[in-house]
C-alpha atoms as a PDB file:
ATOM      1  CA  MET A   1       3.377 -19.655   9.122  1.00  0.00           C
ATOM      2  CA  THR A   2       2.164 -21.050  12.435  1.00  0.00           C
ATOM      3  CA  ARG A   3      -1.262 -22.506  13.172  1.00  0.00           C
ATOM      4  CA  TRP A   4      -2.186 -19.443  15.236  1.00  0.00           C
ATOM      5  CA  ASN A   5      -1.236 -17.077  12.407  1.00  0.00           C
ATOM      6  CA  LEU A   6      -3.365 -19.069   9.972  1.00  0.00           C
ATOM      7  CA  LEU A   7      -6.262 -19.001  12.420  1.00  0.00           C
ATOM      8  CA  ALA A   8      -5.924 -15.236  12.895  1.00  0.00           C
ATOM      9  CA  ILE A   9      -5.895 -14.672   9.124  1.00  0.00           C
ATOM     10  CA  ALA A  10      -8.964 -16.877   8.677  1.00  0.00           C
ATOM     11  CA  VAL A  11     -10.862 -14.997  11.406  1.00  0.00           C
ATOM     12  CA  ALA A  12      -9.835 -11.621   9.953  1.00  0.00           C
ATOM     13  CA  ALA A  13     -10.911 -12.708   6.461  1.00  0.00           C
ATOM     14  CA  ALA A  14     -14.293 -13.870   7.761  1.00  0.00           C
ATOM     15  CA  LEU A  15     -14.815 -10.574   9.594  1.00  0.00           C
ATOM     16  CA  LEU A  16     -13.890  -8.569   6.501  1.00  0.00           C
ATOM     17  CA  VAL A  17     -16.331 -10.529   4.338  1.00  0.00           C
ATOM     18  CA  VAL A  18     -19.298  -9.765   6.605  1.00  0.00           C
ATOM     19  CA  VAL A  19     -18.487  -6.051   6.990  1.00  0.00           C
ATOM     20  CA  PRO A  20     -21.274  -4.841   4.604  1.00  0.00           C
ATOM     21  CA  TRP A  21     -23.873  -6.885   6.493  1.00  0.00           C
ATOM     22  CA  VAL A  22     -22.658  -5.756   9.904  1.00  0.00           C
ATOM     23  CA  ILE A  23     -22.347  -2.059   9.011  1.00  0.00           C
ATOM     24  CA  GLY A  24     -25.437  -1.751   6.832  1.00  0.00           C
ATOM     25  CA  ASN A  25     -24.938   1.997   6.242  1.00  0.00           C
ATOM     26  CA  GLU A  26     -23.834   2.572   2.638  1.00  0.00           C
ATOM     27  CA  PHE A  27     -21.596   5.503   3.614  1.00  0.00           C
ATOM     28  CA  TYR A  28     -19.507   3.355   5.940  1.00  0.00           C
ATOM     29  CA  VAL A  29     -19.389   0.485   3.447  1.00  0.00           C
ATOM     30  CA  ASN A  30     -17.934   2.916   0.912  1.00  0.00           C
ATOM     31  CA  MET A  31     -15.495   4.055   3.606  1.00  0.00           C
ATOM     32  CA  ALA A  32     -14.444   0.437   4.139  1.00  0.00           C
ATOM     33  CA  SER A  33     -13.806   0.157   0.375  1.00  0.00           C
ATOM     34  CA  GLN A  34     -11.550   3.220   0.573  1.00  0.00           C
ATOM     35  CA  VAL A  35      -9.626   1.605   3.429  1.00  0.00           C
ATOM     36  CA  LEU A  36      -9.031  -1.511   1.312  1.00  0.00           C
ATOM     37  CA  ILE A  37      -7.874   0.539  -1.684  1.00  0.00           C
ATOM     38  CA  TYR A  38      -5.385   2.511   0.388  1.00  0.00           C
ATOM     39  CA  ALA A  39      -4.325  -0.685   2.119  1.00  0.00           C
ATOM     40  CA  LEU A  40      -3.275  -2.032  -1.285  1.00  0.00           C
ATOM     41  CA  PHE A  41      -1.419   1.214  -2.003  1.00  0.00           C
ATOM     42  CA  ALA A  42       0.395   0.898   1.330  1.00  0.00           C
ATOM     43  CA  LEU A  43       1.193  -2.787   0.757  1.00  0.00           C
ATOM     44  CA  SER A  44       2.665  -1.982  -2.652  1.00  0.00           C
ATOM     45  CA  ILE A  45       4.972   0.741  -1.359  1.00  0.00           C
ATOM     46  CA  ASN A  46       5.900  -1.488   1.579  1.00  0.00           C
ATOM     47  CA  MET A  47       7.517  -3.904  -0.874  1.00  0.00           C
ATOM     48  CA  MET A  48      10.118  -1.207  -1.469  1.00  0.00           C
ATOM     49  CA  LEU A  49      10.140   0.399   1.972  1.00  0.00           C
ATOM     50  CA  GLY A  50       9.825  -2.496   4.404  1.00  0.00           C
ATOM     51  CA  TYR A  51      11.694  -5.203   2.502  1.00  0.00           C
ATOM     52  CA  GLY A  52      13.997  -3.162   0.295  1.00  0.00           C
ATOM     53  CA  GLY A  53      14.721  -0.077   2.395  1.00  0.00           C
ATOM     54  CA  MET A  54      13.787   2.211  -0.533  1.00  0.00           C
ATOM     55  CA  VAL A  55      11.815   5.333   0.429  1.00  0.00           C
ATOM     56  CA  SER A  56       9.677   6.669  -2.428  1.00  0.00           C
ATOM     57  CA  LEU A  57       7.858   9.989  -2.498  1.00  0.00           C
ATOM     58  CA  GLY A  58       6.369   9.517  -5.943  1.00  0.00           C
ATOM     59  CA  HIS A  59       4.188   6.432  -5.518  1.00  0.00           C
ATOM     60  CA  ALA A  60       0.983   8.363  -6.251  1.00  0.00           C
ATOM     61  CA  GLY A  61       2.330   8.878  -9.766  1.00  0.00           C
ATOM     62  CA  TYR A  62       1.087   5.385 -10.653  1.00  0.00           C
ATOM     63  CA  LEU A  63      -2.400   6.571  -9.769  1.00  0.00           C
ATOM     64  CA  GLY A  64      -2.100   9.059 -12.598  1.00  0.00           C
ATOM     65  CA  LEU A  65      -0.393   6.729 -15.059  1.00  0.00           C
ATOM     66  CA  ALA A  66      -2.774   3.786 -14.691  1.00  0.00           C
ATOM     67  CA  GLY A  67      -5.859   5.843 -13.875  1.00  0.00           C
ATOM     68  CA  TYR A  68      -5.682   8.300 -16.748  1.00  0.00           C
ATOM     69  CA  ALA A  69      -4.666   5.559 -19.194  1.00  0.00           C
ATOM     70  CA  CYS A  70      -7.666   3.435 -18.243  1.00  0.00           C
ATOM     71  CA  ILE A  71     -10.163   6.297 -18.456  1.00  0.00           C
ATOM     72  CA  LEU A  72      -8.842   7.580 -21.778  1.00  0.00           C
ATOM     73  CA  LEU A  73      -8.918   4.096 -23.313  1.00  0.00           C
ATOM     74  CA  VAL A  74     -12.518   3.533 -22.203  1.00  0.00           C
ATOM     75  CA  ILE A  75     -13.561   6.952 -23.529  1.00  0.00           C
ATOM     76  CA  ASN A  76     -11.950   6.132 -26.870  1.00  0.00           C
ATOM     77  CA  GLY A  77     -13.924   2.928 -27.355  1.00  0.00           C
ATOM     78  CA  PHE A  78     -11.933   0.186 -25.621  1.00  0.00           C
ATOM     79  CA  ASP A  79     -13.824  -2.293 -23.472  1.00  0.00           C
ATOM     80  CA  GLN A  80     -13.182  -2.205 -19.722  1.00  0.00           C
ATOM     81  CA  LEU A  81     -11.041  -5.364 -19.587  1.00  0.00           C
ATOM     82  CA  SER A  82      -8.777  -4.319 -22.446  1.00  0.00           C
ATOM     83  CA  ALA A  83      -8.459  -0.832 -21.008  1.00  0.00           C
ATOM     84  CA  ALA A  84      -7.493  -2.185 -17.590  1.00  0.00           C
ATOM     85  CA  ILE A  85      -4.904  -4.596 -19.000  1.00  0.00           C
ATOM     86  CA  LEU A  86      -3.339  -1.976 -21.287  1.00  0.00           C
ATOM     87  CA  ALA A  87      -3.321   0.572 -18.460  1.00  0.00           C
ATOM     88  CA  LEU A  88      -1.512  -1.883 -16.176  1.00  0.00           C
ATOM     89  CA  ILE A  89       1.031  -2.711 -18.887  1.00  0.00           C
ATOM     90  CA  PHE A  90       1.677   0.978 -19.557  1.00  0.00           C
ATOM     91  CA  SER A  91       1.969   1.917 -15.878  1.00  0.00           C
ATOM     92  CA  THR A  92       4.204  -1.067 -15.055  1.00  0.00           C
ATOM     93  CA  ALA A  93       6.456  -0.254 -18.008  1.00  0.00           C
ATOM     94  CA  MET A  94       6.746   3.312 -16.717  1.00  0.00           C
ATOM     95  CA  ALA A  95       7.608   1.885 -13.299  1.00  0.00           C
ATOM     96  CA  GLY A  96      10.466   0.025 -14.982  1.00  0.00           C
ATOM     97  CA  LEU A  97      11.676   3.274 -16.530  1.00  0.00           C
ATOM     98  CA  PHE A  98      11.282   5.198 -13.259  1.00  0.00           C
ATOM     99  CA  GLY A  99      13.215   2.466 -11.471  1.00  0.00           C
ATOM    100  CA  MET A 100      16.122   2.751 -13.889  1.00  0.00           C
ATOM    101  CA  LEU A 101      16.267   6.494 -13.251  1.00  0.00           C
ATOM    102  CA  SER A 102      15.729   6.386  -9.485  1.00  0.00           C
ATOM    103  CA  LEU A 103      18.170   3.592  -8.678  1.00  0.00           C
ATOM    104  CA  ARG A 104      21.041   5.557 -10.190  1.00  0.00           C
ATOM    105  CA  ALA A 105      21.386   7.272  -6.809  1.00  0.00           C
ATOM    106  CA  PRO A 106      21.152   5.728  -3.308  1.00  0.00           C
ATOM    107  CA  GLY A 107      19.640   7.139  -0.130  1.00  0.00           C
ATOM    108  CA  LEU A 108      18.542  10.762  -0.274  1.00  0.00           C
ATOM    109  CA  GLY A 109      19.206  10.918  -4.023  1.00  0.00           C
ATOM    110  CA  PHE A 110      16.730   8.076  -4.584  1.00  0.00           C
ATOM    111  CA  ILE A 111      14.073   9.895  -2.541  1.00  0.00           C
ATOM    112  CA  MET A 112      14.544  13.126  -4.461  1.00  0.00           C
ATOM    113  CA  ILE A 113      14.415  11.418  -7.873  1.00  0.00           C
ATOM    114  CA  THR A 114      11.159   9.601  -7.012  1.00  0.00           C
ATOM    115  CA  LEU A 115       9.756  12.901  -5.767  1.00  0.00           C
ATOM    116  CA  ALA A 116      10.737  14.615  -9.020  1.00  0.00           C
ATOM    117  CA  LEU A 117       9.231  11.846 -11.169  1.00  0.00           C
ATOM    118  CA  GLY A 118       5.993  11.952  -9.222  1.00  0.00           C
ATOM    119  CA  GLN A 119       5.813  15.714  -9.648  1.00  0.00           C
ATOM    120  CA  ILE A 120       6.425  15.358 -13.394  1.00  0.00           C
ATOM    121  CA  VAL A 121       3.419  13.029 -13.672  1.00  0.00           C
ATOM    122  CA  TRP A 122       1.367  15.501 -11.633  1.00  0.00           C
ATOM    123  CA  GLY A 123       2.540  18.412 -13.796  1.00  0.00           C
ATOM    124  CA  VAL A 124       1.628  16.655 -17.041  1.00  0.00           C
ATOM    125  CA  ALA A 125      -1.825  15.766 -15.664  1.00  0.00           C
ATOM    126  CA  TYR A 126      -2.337  19.354 -14.539  1.00  0.00           C
ATOM    127  CA  ARG A 127      -1.185  21.033 -17.757  1.00  0.00           C
ATOM    128  CA  ALA A 128      -2.494  18.656 -20.440  1.00  0.00           C
ATOM    129  CA  ASN A 129      -6.008  20.097 -20.435  1.00  0.00           C
ATOM    130  CA  ASP A 130      -7.032  18.566 -23.759  1.00  0.00           C
ATOM    131  CA  LEU A 131      -6.010  15.086 -22.623  1.00  0.00           C
ATOM    132  CA  THR A 132      -6.635  14.910 -18.872  1.00  0.00           C
ATOM    133  CA  GLY A 133      -9.091  17.758 -18.328  1.00  0.00           C
ATOM    134  CA  GLY A 134      -6.498  19.619 -16.294  1.00  0.00           C
ATOM    135  CA  ASP A 135      -7.630  20.821 -12.901  1.00  0.00           C
ATOM    136  CA  ASN A 136     -11.247  19.898 -13.729  1.00  0.00           C
ATOM    137  CA  GLY A 137     -10.364  16.228 -13.976  1.00  0.00           C
ATOM    138  CA  ILE A 138     -11.852  13.505 -16.141  1.00  0.00           C
ATOM    139  CA  ARG A 139     -14.680  11.023 -15.572  1.00  0.00           C
ATOM    140  CA  LEU A 140     -14.927   7.286 -16.143  1.00  0.00           C
ATOM    141  CA  PRO A 141     -18.315   6.550 -17.771  1.00  0.00           C
ATOM    142  CA  GLN A 142     -19.130   3.527 -15.608  1.00  0.00           C
ATOM    143  CA  ARG A 143     -17.671   0.755 -13.482  1.00  0.00           C
ATOM    144  CA  PRO A 144     -16.683  -2.491 -15.185  1.00  0.00           C
ATOM    145  CA  GLU A 145     -18.510  -5.801 -14.771  1.00  0.00           C
ATOM    146  CA  PRO A 146     -15.788  -8.354 -13.927  1.00  0.00           C
ATOM    147  CA  PHE A 147     -16.910 -11.866 -14.958  1.00  0.00           C
ATOM    148  CA  GLY A 148     -20.337 -10.389 -15.631  1.00  0.00           C
ATOM    149  CA  ILE A 149     -20.814  -9.326 -11.994  1.00  0.00           C
ATOM    150  CA  ASP A 150     -22.400  -5.955 -11.333  1.00  0.00           C
ATOM    151  CA  ILE A 151     -20.264  -3.991  -8.841  1.00  0.00           C
ATOM    152  CA  THR A 152     -22.170  -0.717  -8.927  1.00  0.00           C
ATOM    153  CA  THR A 153     -23.637  -1.174  -5.436  1.00  0.00           C
ATOM    154  CA  ALA A 154     -21.522  -0.400  -2.369  1.00  0.00           C
ATOM    155  CA  PRO A 155     -21.456  -3.955  -0.908  1.00  0.00           C
ATOM    156  CA  ARG A 156     -20.576  -5.597  -4.228  1.00  0.00           C
ATOM    157  CA  PHE A 157     -17.801  -3.133  -4.942  1.00  0.00           C
ATOM    158  CA  TYR A 158     -16.475  -3.736  -1.422  1.00  0.00           C
ATOM    159  CA  TRP A 159     -16.349  -7.495  -1.993  1.00  0.00           C
ATOM    160  CA  PHE A 160     -14.678  -7.001  -5.370  1.00  0.00           C
ATOM    161  CA  THR A 161     -12.029  -4.771  -3.783  1.00  0.00           C
ATOM    162  CA  LEU A 162     -11.550  -7.254  -0.934  1.00  0.00           C
ATOM    163  CA  ALA A 163     -10.997 -10.074  -3.440  1.00  0.00           C
ATOM    164  CA  VAL A 164      -8.324  -8.048  -5.273  1.00  0.00           C
ATOM    165  CA  LEU A 165      -6.650  -7.156  -1.962  1.00  0.00           C
ATOM    166  CA  ALA A 166      -6.670 -10.809  -0.915  1.00  0.00           C
ATOM    167  CA  VAL A 167      -4.879 -11.825  -4.128  1.00  0.00           C
ATOM    168  CA  ALA A 168      -2.338  -9.020  -3.658  1.00  0.00           C
ATOM    169  CA  PHE A 169      -1.826  -9.913   0.010  1.00  0.00           C
ATOM    170  CA  PHE A 170      -1.162 -13.555  -0.867  1.00  0.00           C
ATOM    171  CA  PHE A 171       1.285 -12.554  -3.622  1.00  0.00           C
ATOM    172  CA  ILE A 172       3.179 -10.140  -1.368  1.00  0.00           C
ATOM    173  CA  TRP A 173       3.233 -12.702   1.444  1.00  0.00           C
ATOM    174  CA  ARG A 174       4.783 -15.289  -0.916  1.00  0.00           C
ATOM    175  CA  PHE A 175       7.133 -12.604  -2.208  1.00  0.00           C
ATOM    176  CA  SER A 176       8.369 -11.804   1.307  1.00  0.00           C
ATOM    177  CA  ARG A 177       8.888 -15.519   2.120  1.00  0.00           C
ATOM    178  CA  SER A 178      10.568 -16.405  -1.170  1.00  0.00           C
ATOM    179  CA  PRO A 179      14.322 -16.658  -1.852  1.00  0.00           C
ATOM    180  CA  PHE A 180      13.989 -13.464  -3.880  1.00  0.00           C
ATOM    181  CA  GLY A 181      12.460 -11.711  -0.867  1.00  0.00           C
ATOM    182  CA  ALA A 182      15.325 -12.955   1.286  1.00  0.00           C
ATOM    183  CA  SER A 183      17.842 -11.638  -1.229  1.00  0.00           C
ATOM    184  CA  LEU A 184      16.025  -8.279  -1.257  1.00  0.00           C
ATOM    185  CA  MET A 185      16.279  -8.006   2.531  1.00  0.00           C
ATOM    186  CA  GLY A 186      19.930  -9.008   2.275  1.00  0.00           C
ATOM    187  CA  ALA A 187      20.468  -6.251  -0.283  1.00  0.00           C
ATOM    188  CA  ARG A 188      18.752  -3.844   2.128  1.00  0.00           C
ATOM    189  CA  ASP A 189      20.901  -4.785   5.127  1.00  0.00           C
ATOM    190  CA  GLN A 190      24.230  -5.789   3.560  1.00  0.00           C
ATOM    191  CA  PRO A 191      24.398  -4.660  -0.074  1.00  0.00           C
ATOM    192  CA  ARG A 192      28.182  -4.924  -0.310  1.00  0.00           C
ATOM    193  CA  ARG A 193      28.232  -8.445   1.093  1.00  0.00           C
ATOM    194  CA  MET A 194      25.402  -9.507  -1.239  1.00  0.00           C
ATOM    195  CA  SER A 195      27.398  -8.191  -4.207  1.00  0.00           C
ATOM    196  CA  MET A 196      30.439 -10.132  -3.060  1.00  0.00           C
ATOM    197  CA  LEU A 197      28.300 -13.280  -2.917  1.00  0.00           C
ATOM    198  CA  GLY A 198      27.396 -12.814  -6.577  1.00  0.00           C
ATOM    199  CA  HIS A 199      23.947 -11.215  -6.287  1.00  0.00           C
ATOM    200  CA  ASN A 200      22.999  -8.398  -8.637  1.00  0.00           C
ATOM    201  CA  VAL A 201      21.804  -5.892  -6.023  1.00  0.00           C
ATOM    202  CA  TRP A 202      20.694  -3.317  -8.611  1.00  0.00           C
ATOM    203  CA  LEU A 203      18.577  -5.856 -10.489  1.00  0.00           C
ATOM    204  CA  ILE A 204      16.968  -7.131  -7.278  1.00  0.00           C
ATOM    205  CA  ARG A 205      15.971  -3.606  -6.305  1.00  0.00           C
ATOM    206  CA  TRP A 206      14.766  -2.760  -9.813  1.00  0.00           C
ATOM    207  CA  LEU A 207      12.515  -5.824 -10.038  1.00  0.00           C
ATOM    208  CA  THR A 208      11.057  -4.920  -6.625  1.00  0.00           C
ATOM    209  CA  PHE A 209      10.488  -1.365  -7.830  1.00  0.00           C
ATOM    210  CA  VAL A 210       8.581  -2.710 -10.863  1.00  0.00           C
ATOM    211  CA  LEU A 211       6.479  -5.118  -8.772  1.00  0.00           C
ATOM    212  CA  ALA A 212       5.606  -2.331  -6.349  1.00  0.00           C
ATOM    213  CA  GLY A 213       4.609  -0.170  -9.319  1.00  0.00           C
ATOM    214  CA  PHE A 214       2.399  -2.954 -10.674  1.00  0.00           C
ATOM    215  CA  TRP A 215       0.447  -3.382  -7.427  1.00  0.00           C
ATOM    216  CA  GLY A 216       0.286   0.383  -7.014  1.00  0.00           C
ATOM    217  CA  SER A 217      -1.249   0.513 -10.495  1.00  0.00           C
ATOM    218  CA  VAL A 218      -3.811  -2.140  -9.523  1.00  0.00           C
ATOM    219  CA  ALA A 219      -4.769   0.010  -6.531  1.00  0.00           C
ATOM    220  CA  SER A 220      -5.001   2.973  -8.898  1.00  0.00           C
ATOM    221  CA  LEU A 221      -7.566   1.202 -11.058  1.00  0.00           C
ATOM    222  CA  LEU A 222      -9.634   0.408  -7.956  1.00  0.00           C
ATOM    223  CA  PHE A 223      -9.369   4.069  -6.943  1.00  0.00           C
ATOM    224  CA  VAL A 224     -10.714   5.141 -10.363  1.00  0.00           C
ATOM    225  CA  TYR A 225     -13.481   2.526 -10.312  1.00  0.00           C
ATOM    226  CA  TYR A 226     -14.529   3.715  -6.865  1.00  0.00           C
ATOM    227  CA  ASN A 227     -14.585   7.445  -7.626  1.00  0.00           C
ATOM    228  CA  LEU A 228     -15.406   7.252 -11.370  1.00  0.00           C
ATOM    229  CA  PHE A 229     -13.291  10.404 -11.559  1.00  0.00           C
ATOM    230  CA  LEU A 230      -9.634  11.420 -11.516  1.00  0.00           C
ATOM    231  CA  SER A 231      -7.952  14.803 -11.188  1.00  0.00           C
ATOM    232  CA  PRO A 232      -4.355  15.959 -10.542  1.00  0.00           C
ATOM    233  CA  HIS A 233      -5.219  16.526  -6.861  1.00  0.00           C
ATOM    234  CA  ALA A 234      -5.279  12.742  -6.381  1.00  0.00           C
ATOM    235  CA  LEU A 235      -1.671  12.236  -7.469  1.00  0.00           C
ATOM    236  CA  GLY A 236       0.160  15.081  -5.768  1.00  0.00           C
ATOM    237  CA  LEU A 237       2.939  14.999  -3.199  1.00  0.00           C
ATOM    238  CA  GLN A 238       0.465  14.876  -0.307  1.00  0.00           C
ATOM    239  CA  GLN A 239      -1.023  11.633  -1.617  1.00  0.00           C
ATOM    240  CA  SER A 240       2.421  10.044  -1.972  1.00  0.00           C
ATOM    241  CA  ALA A 241       3.380  11.153   1.531  1.00  0.00           C
ATOM    242  CA  GLU A 242       0.169   9.761   3.019  1.00  0.00           C
ATOM    243  CA  ILE A 243       0.689   6.381   1.347  1.00  0.00           C
ATOM    244  CA  LEU A 244       4.236   6.278   2.687  1.00  0.00           C
ATOM    245  CA  LEU A 245       3.087   7.239   6.182  1.00  0.00           C
ATOM    246  CA  MET A 246       0.437   4.520   6.146  1.00  0.00           C
ATOM    247  CA  ALA A 247       3.148   1.888   5.826  1.00  0.00           C
ATOM    248  CA  ILE A 248       5.361   3.550   8.443  1.00  0.00           C
ATOM    249  CA  LEU A 249       2.544   4.069  10.971  1.00  0.00           C
ATOM    250  CA  GLY A 250       1.379   0.452  10.932  1.00  0.00           C
ATOM    251  CA  GLY A 251       4.859  -1.029  10.713  1.00  0.00           C
ATOM    252  CA  ALA A 252       6.825  -1.252   7.476  1.00  0.00           C
ATOM    253  CA  SER A 253       8.539  -4.465   8.575  1.00  0.00           C
ATOM    254  CA  THR A 254       5.249  -6.390   8.652  1.00  0.00           C
ATOM    255  CA  LEU A 255       2.538  -7.497   6.229  1.00  0.00           C
ATOM    256  CA  THR A 256      -0.446  -6.355   8.268  1.00  0.00           C
ATOM    257  CA  GLY A 257       1.108  -3.067   9.391  1.00  0.00           C
ATOM    258  CA  PRO A 258       0.393  -1.122   6.177  1.00  0.00           C
ATOM    259  CA  ILE A 259      -3.248  -2.266   6.313  1.00  0.00           C
ATOM    260  CA  VAL A 260      -3.596  -0.992   9.887  1.00  0.00           C
ATOM    261  CA  GLY A 261      -1.909   2.300   8.972  1.00  0.00           C
ATOM    262  CA  ALA A 262      -4.169   2.729   5.940  1.00  0.00           C
ATOM    263  CA  ALA A 263      -7.273   2.135   8.090  1.00  0.00           C
ATOM    264  CA  ILE A 264      -6.223   4.707  10.714  1.00  0.00           C
ATOM    265  CA  ILE A 265      -5.273   7.480   8.290  1.00  0.00           C
ATOM    266  CA  THR A 266      -8.283   6.958   6.003  1.00  0.00           C
ATOM    267  CA  LEU A 267     -10.745   6.952   8.898  1.00  0.00           C
ATOM    268  CA  VAL A 268      -9.184  10.025  10.518  1.00  0.00           C
ATOM    269  CA  LYS A 269      -9.322  11.908   7.194  1.00  0.00           C
ATOM    270  CA  ASN A 270     -12.864  10.970   6.264  1.00  0.00           C
ATOM    271  CA  VAL A 271     -14.710  10.277   9.511  1.00  0.00           C
ATOM    272  CA  VAL A 272     -12.961  12.005  12.390  1.00  0.00           C
ATOM    273  CA  SER A 273     -12.546  15.179  10.293  1.00  0.00           C
ATOM    274  CA  SER A 274     -16.353  15.531  10.326  1.00  0.00           C
ATOM    275  CA  TYR A 275     -16.295  15.939  14.110  1.00  0.00           C
ATOM    276  CA  VAL A 276     -12.832  17.384  14.825  1.00  0.00           C
ATOM    277  CA  GLU A 277     -11.908  20.603  13.058  1.00  0.00           C
ATOM    278  CA  ARG A 278      -8.162  20.190  13.736  1.00  0.00           C
ATOM    279  CA  TRP A 279      -7.993  16.609  12.529  1.00  0.00           C
ATOM    280  CA  ASN A 280      -4.531  17.221  11.044  1.00  0.00           C
ATOM    281  CA  THR A 281      -3.310  17.972  14.560  1.00  0.00           C
ATOM    282  CA  LEU A 282      -4.862  14.747  15.826  1.00  0.00           C
ATOM    283  CA  LEU A 283      -3.187  12.776  13.057  1.00  0.00           C
ATOM    284  CA  GLY A 284       0.140  14.435  13.836  1.00  0.00           C
ATOM    285  CA  ALA A 285      -0.264  13.577  17.538  1.00  0.00           C
ATOM    286  CA  ILE A 286      -0.890   9.926  16.632  1.00  0.00           C
ATOM    287  CA  PHE A 287       2.320   9.856  14.599  1.00  0.00           C
ATOM    288  CA  VAL A 288       4.340  11.453  17.386  1.00  0.00           C
ATOM    289  CA  LEU A 289       3.031   8.981  19.977  1.00  0.00           C
ATOM    290  CA  VAL A 290       3.721   6.005  17.733  1.00  0.00           C
ATOM    291  CA  ILE A 291       7.246   7.165  16.875  1.00  0.00           C
ATOM    292  CA  VAL A 292       8.070   7.830  20.542  1.00  0.00           C
ATOM    293  CA  PHE A 293       6.585   4.686  22.083  1.00  0.00           C
ATOM    294  CA  MET A 294       6.515   2.276  19.120  1.00  0.00           C
ATOM    295  CA  PRO A 295       9.317   3.363  16.761  1.00  0.00           C
ATOM    296  CA  TYR A 296       8.882   0.314  14.521  1.00  0.00           C
ATOM    297  CA  GLY A 297       5.147   0.891  14.022  1.00  0.00           C
ATOM    298  CA  LEU A 298       1.869  -0.096  15.645  1.00  0.00           C
ATOM    299  CA  VAL A 299       1.829  -3.789  14.740  1.00  0.00           C
ATOM    300  CA  PRO A 300       5.406  -4.581  15.902  1.00  0.00           C
ATOM    301  CA  GLY A 301       4.861  -2.380  18.978  1.00  0.00           C
ATOM    302  CA  CYS A 302       1.622  -4.091  19.980  1.00  0.00           C
ATOM    303  CA  ARG A 303       3.223  -7.487  19.360  1.00  0.00           C
ATOM    304  CA  ALA A 304       6.107  -6.579  21.661  1.00  0.00           C
ATOM    305  CA  LEU A 305       3.707  -5.367  24.348  1.00  0.00           C
ATOM    306  CA  TRP A 306       1.702  -8.595  24.129  1.00  0.00           C
ATOM    307  CA  GLN A 307       4.839 -10.716  24.426  1.00  0.00           C
ATOM    308  CA  LYS A 308       5.957  -8.691  27.420  1.00  0.00           C
ATOM    309  CA  PHE A 309       2.528  -9.006  29.051  1.00  0.00           C
ATOM    310  CA  SER A 310       2.416 -12.762  28.377  1.00  0.00           C
ATOM    311  CA  ALA A 311       5.898 -13.255  29.824  1.00  0.00           C
ATOM    312  CA  ARG A 312       4.818 -11.692  33.125  1.00  0.00           C
ATOM    313  CA  GLY A 313       2.278 -14.409  33.704  1.00  0.00           C
ATOM    314  CA  LYS A 314       4.791 -17.215  33.238  1.00  0.00           C
ATOM    315  CA  PRO A 315       7.008 -18.416  36.136  1.00  0.00           C
ATOM    316  CA  ALA A 316      10.681 -17.659  35.713  1.00  0.00           C
ATOM    317  CA  ALA A 317      12.742 -20.656  34.650  1.00  0.00           C
ATOM    318  CA  LYS A 318      15.187 -21.932  37.252  1.00  0.00           C
ATOM    319  CA  SER A 319      18.841 -21.968  36.383  1.00  0.00           C
ATOM    320  CA  PRO A 320      20.749 -25.305  36.481  1.00  0.00           C
ATOM    321  CA  ALA A 321      22.923 -23.974  39.305  1.00  0.00           C
ATOM    322  CA  SER A 322      19.928 -23.236  41.527  1.00  0.00           C
ATOM    323  CA  GLU A 323      18.408 -26.627  40.793  1.00  0.00           C
ATOM    324  CA  SER A 324      21.642 -28.444  41.759  1.00  0.00           C
ATOM    325  CA  ALA A 325      21.922 -26.366  44.909  1.00  0.00           C
ATOM    326  CA  GLY A 326      18.421 -27.369  45.868  1.00  0.00           C
END
């Protein structure tokens, strides 16, 4: 990572920390917390999509697995920390099982299996009225107090969510720069060659699937802590599609792209929709424009435009032949 990249990350981190003080309005601070939660969702699915080339339409299923497990454990007498840990273990174990089932088929088959598994989780949450409350949902009694810190206020919950996102971002950054990340991208681009070199392509993809499920489960707990409520509507196909589109819109080949995509979609859904009746049309227009003019996403597209703009201001290098002729 270059000095300029480190400087940009430091500036962005400083700006994110002071957001509650700059905004002031509690509604917009809560909106910023939602952006961070969905950014973590998008980062988790990007581990599969951007680095592994695996398109999942069932990622919101982890919201149900971890979310319902945590709420039910708390309701039945477990403390918040134990409930969170057990919920993460359960959801990550289910991600391992889902990965074994999904990776049996490549390409379109993988997409359809993840879609089916996500719909199974949604169906169980919708039909198990005695356990999940069915369509009426289920409530979490209160937010936890991590390390004895009260996070019931909007600014404190925002900082707590930002801290979790920062840890996840660092882990995923190290993951993408590690030898394992390189082998994952090799399995994405040249699976047959990687197999010939002795790499277990299936195992690489499965471990990535599990890691993506773990971070998706962490985002699910933040989602439950934010809303103090969970219903089947939160883990349907639309939620999975939106999480996937967040990564694609910002740029699935980058680390910051999913965060940008999550910010745009969340703000359009929750803020712009208050002023624009056809906000779905606006969101669709944004996707069309990005796909047409920046097919790799907003972050790679803006980076390419900046490089092109910067190159215009530099004098063209003279060729050796022209220099000798002069």
